[in-house]
C-alpha cells in the first residue's frame, strides 16, 4: 500500500517500518516483537479505558447535578 509522501498515513507507515527494522536489525526474536506489540496495545487500551471511565463518570455527575 503506497501513500502520498509526507501524508499522515505515509508517516505512520514509515515510523512502524523503522521500528520493525530496528527489532530485526537487533536480532530480536519474533515472540519478543509480538509480546512488545501486545504490551503496547494493552497499555494503550488501559489508558484509554481509564480516560473513558473518567469522562463517563463526569457525564453522569453532570446529568445528576443539573436536575
PDB file of N, CA and C in Angstrom:
ATOM      1  N   UNK A   1       0.845  -1.165   0.000  1.00  0.00           N
ATOM      2  CA  UNK A   1       0.000   0.000   0.000  1.00  0.00           C
ATOM      3  C   UNK A   1       0.897   1.237   0.000  1.00  0.00           C
ATOM      4  N   UNK A   2       0.774   2.021  -1.030  1.00  0.00           N
ATOM      5  CA  UNK A   2       1.576   3.239  -1.128  1.00  0.00           C
ATOM      6  C   UNK A   2       0.722   4.460  -0.829  1.00  0.00           C
ATOM      7  N   UNK A   3       1.256   5.330  -0.007  1.00  0.00           N
ATOM      8  CA  UNK A   3       0.568   6.556   0.360  1.00  0.00           C
ATOM      9  C   UNK A   3       1.309   7.748  -0.234  1.00  0.00           C
ATOM     10  N   UNK A   4       0.599   8.851  -0.321  1.00  0.00           N
ATOM     11  CA  UNK A   4       1.206  10.087  -0.805  1.00  0.00           C
ATOM     12  C   UNK A   4       2.324  10.465   0.162  1.00  0.00           C
ATOM     13  N   UNK A   5       3.524  10.786  -0.359  1.00  0.00           N
ATOM     14  CA  UNK A   5       4.648  11.128   0.531  1.00  0.00           C
ATOM     15  C   UNK A   5       4.292  12.253   1.503  1.00  0.00           C
ATOM     16  N   UNK A   6       4.729  12.057   2.728  1.00  0.00           N
ATOM     17  CA  UNK A   6       4.571  13.001   3.824  1.00  0.00           C
ATOM     18  C   UNK A   6       3.124  13.185   4.283  1.00  0.00           C
ATOM     19  N   UNK A   7       2.236  12.327   3.817  1.00  0.00           N
ATOM     20  CA  UNK A   7       0.869  12.339   4.332  1.00  0.00           C
ATOM     21  C   UNK A   7       0.892  11.680   5.711  1.00  0.00           C
ATOM     22  N   UNK A   8      -0.154  11.887   6.521  1.00  0.00           N
ATOM     23  CA  UNK A   8      -0.185  11.227   7.833  1.00  0.00           C
ATOM     24  C   UNK A   8      -0.078   9.704   7.720  1.00  0.00           C
ATOM     25  N   UNK A   9      -0.723   9.131   6.716  1.00  0.00           N
ATOM     26  CA  UNK A   9      -0.661   7.673   6.528  1.00  0.00           C
ATOM     27  C   UNK A   9       0.759   7.229   6.191  1.00  0.00           C
ATOM     28  N   UNK A  10       1.410   7.966   5.328  1.00  0.00           N
ATOM     29  CA  UNK A  10       2.780   7.655   4.916  1.00  0.00           C
ATOM     30  C   UNK A  10       3.716   7.725   6.124  1.00  0.00           C
ATOM     31  N   UNK A  11       3.543   8.773   6.951  1.00  0.00           N
ATOM     32  CA  UNK A  11       4.395   8.936   8.132  1.00  0.00           C
ATOM     33  C   UNK A  11       4.200   7.792   9.122  1.00  0.00           C
ATOM     34  N   UNK A  12       2.945   7.414   9.362  1.00  0.00           N
ATOM     35  CA  UNK A  12       2.685   6.304  10.295  1.00  0.00           C
ATOM     36  C   UNK A  12       3.345   5.024   9.806  1.00  0.00           C
ATOM     37  N   UNK A  13       3.186   4.735   8.523  1.00  0.00           N
ATOM     38  CA  UNK A  13       3.774   3.514   7.973  1.00  0.00           C
ATOM     39  C   UNK A  13       5.296   3.566   8.073  1.00  0.00           C
ATOM     40  N   UNK A  14       5.882   4.727   7.816  1.00  0.00           N
ATOM     41  CA  UNK A  14       7.333   4.877   7.887  1.00  0.00           C
ATOM     42  C   UNK A  14       7.835   4.640   9.314  1.00  0.00           C
ATOM     43  N   UNK A  15       7.149   5.214  10.299  1.00  0.00           N
ATOM     44  CA  UNK A  15       7.573   5.030  11.699  1.00  0.00           C
ATOM     45  C   UNK A  15       7.477   3.567  12.116  1.00  0.00           C
ATOM     46  N   UNK A  16       6.398   2.906  11.703  1.00  0.00           N
ATOM     47  CA  UNK A  16       6.242   1.489  12.033  1.00  0.00           C
ATOM     48  C   UNK A  16       7.344   0.664  11.377  1.00  0.00           C
ATOM     49  N   UNK A  17       7.639   0.960  10.115  1.00  0.00           N
ATOM     50  CA  UNK A  17       8.695   0.240   9.404  1.00  0.00           C
ATOM     51  C   UNK A  17      10.043   0.440  10.099  1.00  0.00           C
ATOM     52  N   UNK A  18      10.334   1.664  10.505  1.00  0.00           N
ATOM     53  CA  UNK A  18      11.604   1.943  11.179  1.00  0.00           C
ATOM     54  C   UNK A  18      11.704   1.171  12.492  1.00  0.00           C
ATOM     55  N   UNK A  19      10.606   1.104  13.240  1.00  0.00           N
ATOM     56  CA  UNK A  19      10.621   0.360  14.500  1.00  0.00           C
ATOM     57  C   UNK A  19      10.837  -1.127  14.242  1.00  0.00           C
ATOM     58  N   UNK A  20      10.107  -1.671  13.268  1.00  0.00           N
ATOM     59  CA  UNK A  20      10.277  -3.092  12.951  1.00  0.00           C
ATOM     60  C   UNK A  20      11.672  -3.377  12.417  1.00  0.00           C
ATOM     61  N   UNK A  21      12.190  -2.485  11.579  1.00  0.00           N
ATOM     62  CA  UNK A  21      13.559  -2.657  11.072  1.00  0.00           C
ATOM     63  C   UNK A  21      14.554  -2.722  12.220  1.00  0.00           C
ATOM     64  N   UNK A  22      14.339  -1.896  13.245  1.00  0.00           N
ATOM     65  CA  UNK A  22      15.258  -1.886  14.389  1.00  0.00           C
ATOM     66  C   UNK A  22      15.203  -3.206  15.145  1.00  0.00           C
ATOM     67  N   UNK A  23      13.998  -3.721  15.356  1.00  0.00           N
ATOM     68  CA  UNK A  23      13.855  -5.026  16.011  1.00  0.00           C
ATOM     69  C   UNK A  23      14.611  -6.095  15.217  1.00  0.00           C
ATOM     70  N   UNK A  24      14.412  -6.095  13.908  1.00  0.00           N
ATOM     71  CA  UNK A  24      15.049  -7.118  13.068  1.00  0.00           C
ATOM     72  C   UNK A  24      16.561  -6.936  13.055  1.00  0.00           C
ATOM     73  N   UNK A  25      17.023  -5.693  12.929  1.00  0.00           N
ATOM     74  CA  UNK A  25      18.453  -5.403  12.923  1.00  0.00           C
ATOM     75  C   UNK A  25      19.110  -5.865  14.226  1.00  0.00           C
ATOM     76  N   UNK A  26      18.391  -5.674  15.332  1.00  0.00           N
ATOM     77  CA  UNK A  26      18.926  -6.090  16.638  1.00  0.00           C
ATOM     78  C   UNK A  26      18.808  -7.590  16.867  1.00  0.00           C
ATOM     79  N   UNK A  27      18.182  -8.310  15.953  1.00  0.00           N
ATOM     80  CA  UNK A  27      18.061  -9.761  16.073  1.00  0.00           C
ATOM     81  C   UNK A  27      17.050 -10.215  17.108  1.00  0.00           C
ATOM     82  N   UNK A  28      16.052  -9.410  17.355  1.00  0.00           N
ATOM     83  CA  UNK A  28      15.044  -9.745  18.365  1.00  0.00           C
ATOM     84  C   UNK A  28      14.143 -10.859  17.830  1.00  0.00           C
ATOM     85  N   UNK A  29      13.862 -11.833  18.677  1.00  0.00           N
ATOM     86  CA  UNK A  29      13.005 -12.955  18.293  1.00  0.00           C
ATOM     87  C   UNK A  29      11.584 -12.479  18.026  1.00  0.00           C
ATOM     88  N   UNK A  30      10.907 -13.156  17.102  1.00  0.00           N
ATOM     89  CA  UNK A  30       9.527 -12.796  16.759  1.00  0.00           C
ATOM     90  C   UNK A  30       8.611 -12.792  17.973  1.00  0.00           C
ATOM     91  N   UNK A  31       8.810 -13.742  18.875  1.00  0.00           N
ATOM     92  CA  UNK A  31       7.967 -13.821  20.059  1.00  0.00           C
ATOM     93  C   UNK A  31       8.092 -12.559  20.909  1.00  0.00           C
ATOM     94  N   UNK A  32       9.285 -11.996  20.980  1.00  0.00           N
ATOM     95  CA  UNK A  32       9.508 -10.772  21.757  1.00  0.00           C
ATOM     96  C   UNK A  32       8.837  -9.590  21.060  1.00  0.00           C
ATOM     97  N   UNK A  33       8.936  -9.537  19.743  1.00  0.00           N
ATOM     98  CA  UNK A  33       8.287  -8.467  18.986  1.00  0.00           C
ATOM     99  C   UNK A  33       6.786  -8.510  19.218  1.00  0.00           C
ATOM    100  N   UNK A  34       6.207  -9.689  19.123  1.00  0.00           N
ATOM    101  CA  UNK A  34       4.764  -9.843  19.338  1.00  0.00           C
ATOM    102  C   UNK A  34       4.407  -9.466  20.769  1.00  0.00           C
ATOM    103  N   UNK A  35       5.204  -9.909  21.741  1.00  0.00           N
ATOM    104  CA  UNK A  35       4.945  -9.587  23.153  1.00  0.00           C
ATOM    105  C   UNK A  35       4.999  -8.082  23.363  1.00  0.00           C
ATOM    106  N   UNK A  36       5.991  -7.415  22.809  1.00  0.00           N
ATOM    107  CA  UNK A  36       6.100  -5.964  22.954  1.00  0.00           C
ATOM    108  C   UNK A  36       4.910  -5.254  22.313  1.00  0.00           C
ATOM    109  N   UNK A  37       4.523  -5.701  21.133  1.00  0.00           N
ATOM    110  CA  UNK A  37       3.387  -5.097  20.447  1.00  0.00           C
ATOM    111  C   UNK A  37       2.111  -5.263  21.270  1.00  0.00           C
ATOM    112  N   UNK A  38       1.881  -6.466  21.776  1.00  0.00           N
ATOM    113  CA  UNK A  38       0.696  -6.700  22.602  1.00  0.00           C
ATOM    114  C   UNK A  38       0.740  -5.884  23.886  1.00  0.00           C
ATOM    115  N   UNK A  39       1.921  -5.750  24.484  1.00  0.00           N
ATOM    116  CA  UNK A  39       2.070  -4.946  25.688  1.00  0.00           C
ATOM    117  C   UNK A  39       1.724  -3.487  25.420  1.00  0.00           C
ATOM    118  N   UNK A  40       2.197  -2.956  24.297  1.00  0.00           N
ATOM    119  CA  UNK A  40       1.891  -1.572  23.917  1.00  0.00           C
ATOM    120  C   UNK A  40       0.392  -1.402  23.720  1.00  0.00           C
ATOM    121  N   UNK A  41      -0.229  -2.323  23.000  1.00  0.00           N
ATOM    122  CA  UNK A  41      -1.664  -2.243  22.747  1.00  0.00           C
ATOM    123  C   UNK A  41      -2.465  -2.355  24.045  1.00  0.00           C
ATOM    124  N   UNK A  42      -2.063  -3.250  24.923  1.00  0.00           N
ATOM    125  CA  UNK A  42      -2.763  -3.435  26.200  1.00  0.00           C
ATOM    126  C   UNK A  42      -2.645  -2.176  27.055  1.00  0.00           C
ATOM    127  N   UNK A  43      -1.436  -1.649  27.169  1.00  0.00           N
ATOM    128  CA  UNK A  43      -1.223  -0.440  27.975  1.00  0.00           C
ATOM    129  C   UNK A  43      -2.034   0.726  27.419  1.00  0.00           C
ATOM    130  N   UNK A  44      -2.011   0.881  26.109  1.00  0.00           N
ATOM    131  CA  UNK A  44      -2.759   1.960  25.477  1.00  0.00           C
ATOM    132  C   UNK A  44      -4.259   1.799  25.718  1.00  0.00           C
ATOM    133  N   UNK A  45      -4.749   0.577  25.590  1.00  0.00           N
ATOM    134  CA  UNK A  45      -6.185   0.359  25.800  1.00  0.00           C
ATOM    135  C   UNK A  45      -6.572   0.602  27.257  1.00  0.00           C
ATOM    136  N   UNK A  46      -5.704   0.251  28.191  1.00  0.00           N
ATOM    137  CA  UNK A  46      -5.975   0.501  29.608  1.00  0.00           C
ATOM    138  C   UNK A  46      -6.056   2.006  29.876  1.00  0.00           C
ATOM    139  N   UNK A  47      -5.133   2.770  29.289  1.00  0.00           N
ATOM    140  CA  UNK A  47      -5.138   4.219  29.476  1.00  0.00           C
ATOM    141  C   UNK A  47      -6.392   4.845  28.867  1.00  0.00           C
ATOM    142  N   UNK A  48      -6.770   4.374  27.686  1.00  0.00           N
ATOM    143  CA  UNK A  48      -7.969   4.906  27.029  1.00  0.00           C
ATOM    144  C   UNK A  48      -9.227   4.513  27.796  1.00  0.00           C
ATOM    145  N   UNK A  49      -9.252   3.310  28.347  1.00  0.00           N
ATOM    146  CA  UNK A  49     -10.391   2.877  29.146  1.00  0.00           C
ATOM    147  C   UNK A  49     -10.517   3.738  30.404  1.00  0.00           C
ATOM    148  N   UNK A  50      -9.403   4.045  31.043  1.00  0.00           N
ATOM    149  CA  UNK A  50      -9.421   4.893  32.234  1.00  0.00           C
ATOM    150  C   UNK A  50      -9.938   6.290  31.889  1.00  0.00           C
ATOM    151  N   UNK A  51      -9.514   6.832  30.751  1.00  0.00           N
ATOM    152  CA  UNK A  51      -9.996   8.145  30.324  1.00  0.00           C
ATOM    153  C   UNK A  51     -11.490   8.091  30.025  1.00  0.00           C
ATOM    154  N   UNK A  52     -11.942   7.018  29.383  1.00  0.00           N
ATOM    155  CA  UNK A  52     -13.373   6.855  29.109  1.00  0.00           C
ATOM    156  C   UNK A  52     -14.161   6.784  30.409  1.00  0.00           C
ATOM    157  N   UNK A  53     -13.687   5.985  31.356  1.00  0.00           N
ATOM    158  CA  UNK A  53     -14.382   5.852  32.641  1.00  0.00           C
ATOM    159  C   UNK A  53     -14.488   7.195  33.351  1.00  0.00           C
ATOM    160  N   UNK A  54     -13.412   7.983  33.310  1.00  0.00           N
ATOM    161  CA  UNK A  54     -13.425   9.296  33.952  1.00  0.00           C
ATOM    162  C   UNK A  54     -14.431  10.214  33.263  1.00  0.00           C
ATOM    163  N   UNK A  55     -14.425  10.249  31.927  1.00  0.00           N
ATOM    164  CA  UNK A  55     -15.372  11.085  31.182  1.00  0.00           C
ATOM    165  C   UNK A  55     -16.806  10.626  31.421  1.00  0.00           C
ATOM    166  N   UNK A  56     -17.008   9.325  31.476  1.00  0.00           N
ATOM    167  CA  UNK A  56     -18.333   8.774  31.715  1.00  0.00           C
ATOM    168  C   UNK A  56     -18.831   9.153  33.114  1.00  0.00           C
ATOM    169  N   UNK A  57     -17.962   9.078  34.102  1.00  0.00           N
ATOM    170  CA  UNK A  57     -18.324   9.457  35.468  1.00  0.00           C
ATOM    171  C   UNK A  57     -18.653  10.947  35.541  1.00  0.00           C
ATOM    172  N   UNK A  58     -17.902  11.767  34.819  1.00  0.00           N
ATOM    173  CA  UNK A  58     -18.169  13.195  34.796  1.00  0.00           C
ATOM    174  C   UNK A  58     -19.519  13.474  34.137  1.00  0.00           C
ATOM    175  N   UNK A  59     -19.804  12.809  33.039  1.00  0.00           N
ATOM    176  CA  UNK A  59     -21.096  12.979  32.362  1.00  0.00           C
ATOM    177  C   UNK A  59     -22.236  12.570  33.294  1.00  0.00           C
ATOM    178  N   UNK A  60     -22.056  11.498  34.012  1.00  0.00           N
ATOM    179  CA  UNK A  60     -23.060  11.029  34.972  1.00  0.00           C
ATOM    180  C   UNK A  60     -23.287  12.093  36.053  1.00  0.00           C
ATOM    181  N   UNK A  61     -22.185  12.633  36.570  1.00  0.00           N
ATOM    182  CA  UNK A  61     -22.284  13.653  37.619  1.00  0.00           C
ATOM    183  C   UNK A  61     -22.984  14.903  37.099  1.00  0.00           C
ATOM    184  N   UNK A  62     -22.673  15.308  35.893  1.00  0.00           N
ATOM    185  CA  UNK A  62     -23.310  16.495  35.316  1.00  0.00           C
ATOM    186  C   UNK A  62     -24.805  16.260  35.140  1.00  0.00           C
ATOM    187  N   UNK A  63     -25.159  15.098  34.628  1.00  0.00           N
ATOM    188  CA  UNK A  63     -26.578  14.788  34.416  1.00  0.00           C
ATOM    189  C   UNK A  63     -27.353  14.792  35.735  1.00  0.00           C
ATOM    190  N   UNK A  64     -26.732  14.306  36.783  1.00  0.00           N
ATOM    191  CA  UNK A  64     -27.456  14.156  38.042  1.00  0.00           C
ATOM    192  C   UNK A  64     -27.362  15.371  38.959  1.00  0.00           C
ATOM    193  N   UNK A  65     -26.534  16.316  38.647  1.00  0.00           N
ATOM    194  CA  UNK A  65     -26.460  17.528  39.484  1.00  0.00           C
ATOM    195  C   UNK A  65     -27.234  18.677  38.847  1.00  0.00           C
ATOM    196  N   UNK A  66     -27.642  18.528  37.591  1.00  0.00           N
ATOM    197  CA  UNK A  66     -28.371  19.605  36.915  1.00  0.00           C
ATOM    198  C   UNK A  66     -29.873  19.429  37.013  1.00  0.00           C
ATOM    199  N   UNK A  67     -30.332  18.355  37.640  1.00  0.00           N
ATOM    200  CA  UNK A  67     -31.775  18.102  37.742  1.00  0.00           C
ATOM    201  C   UNK A  67     -32.374  18.856  38.888  1.00  0.00           C
TER     202      UNK A  67
END
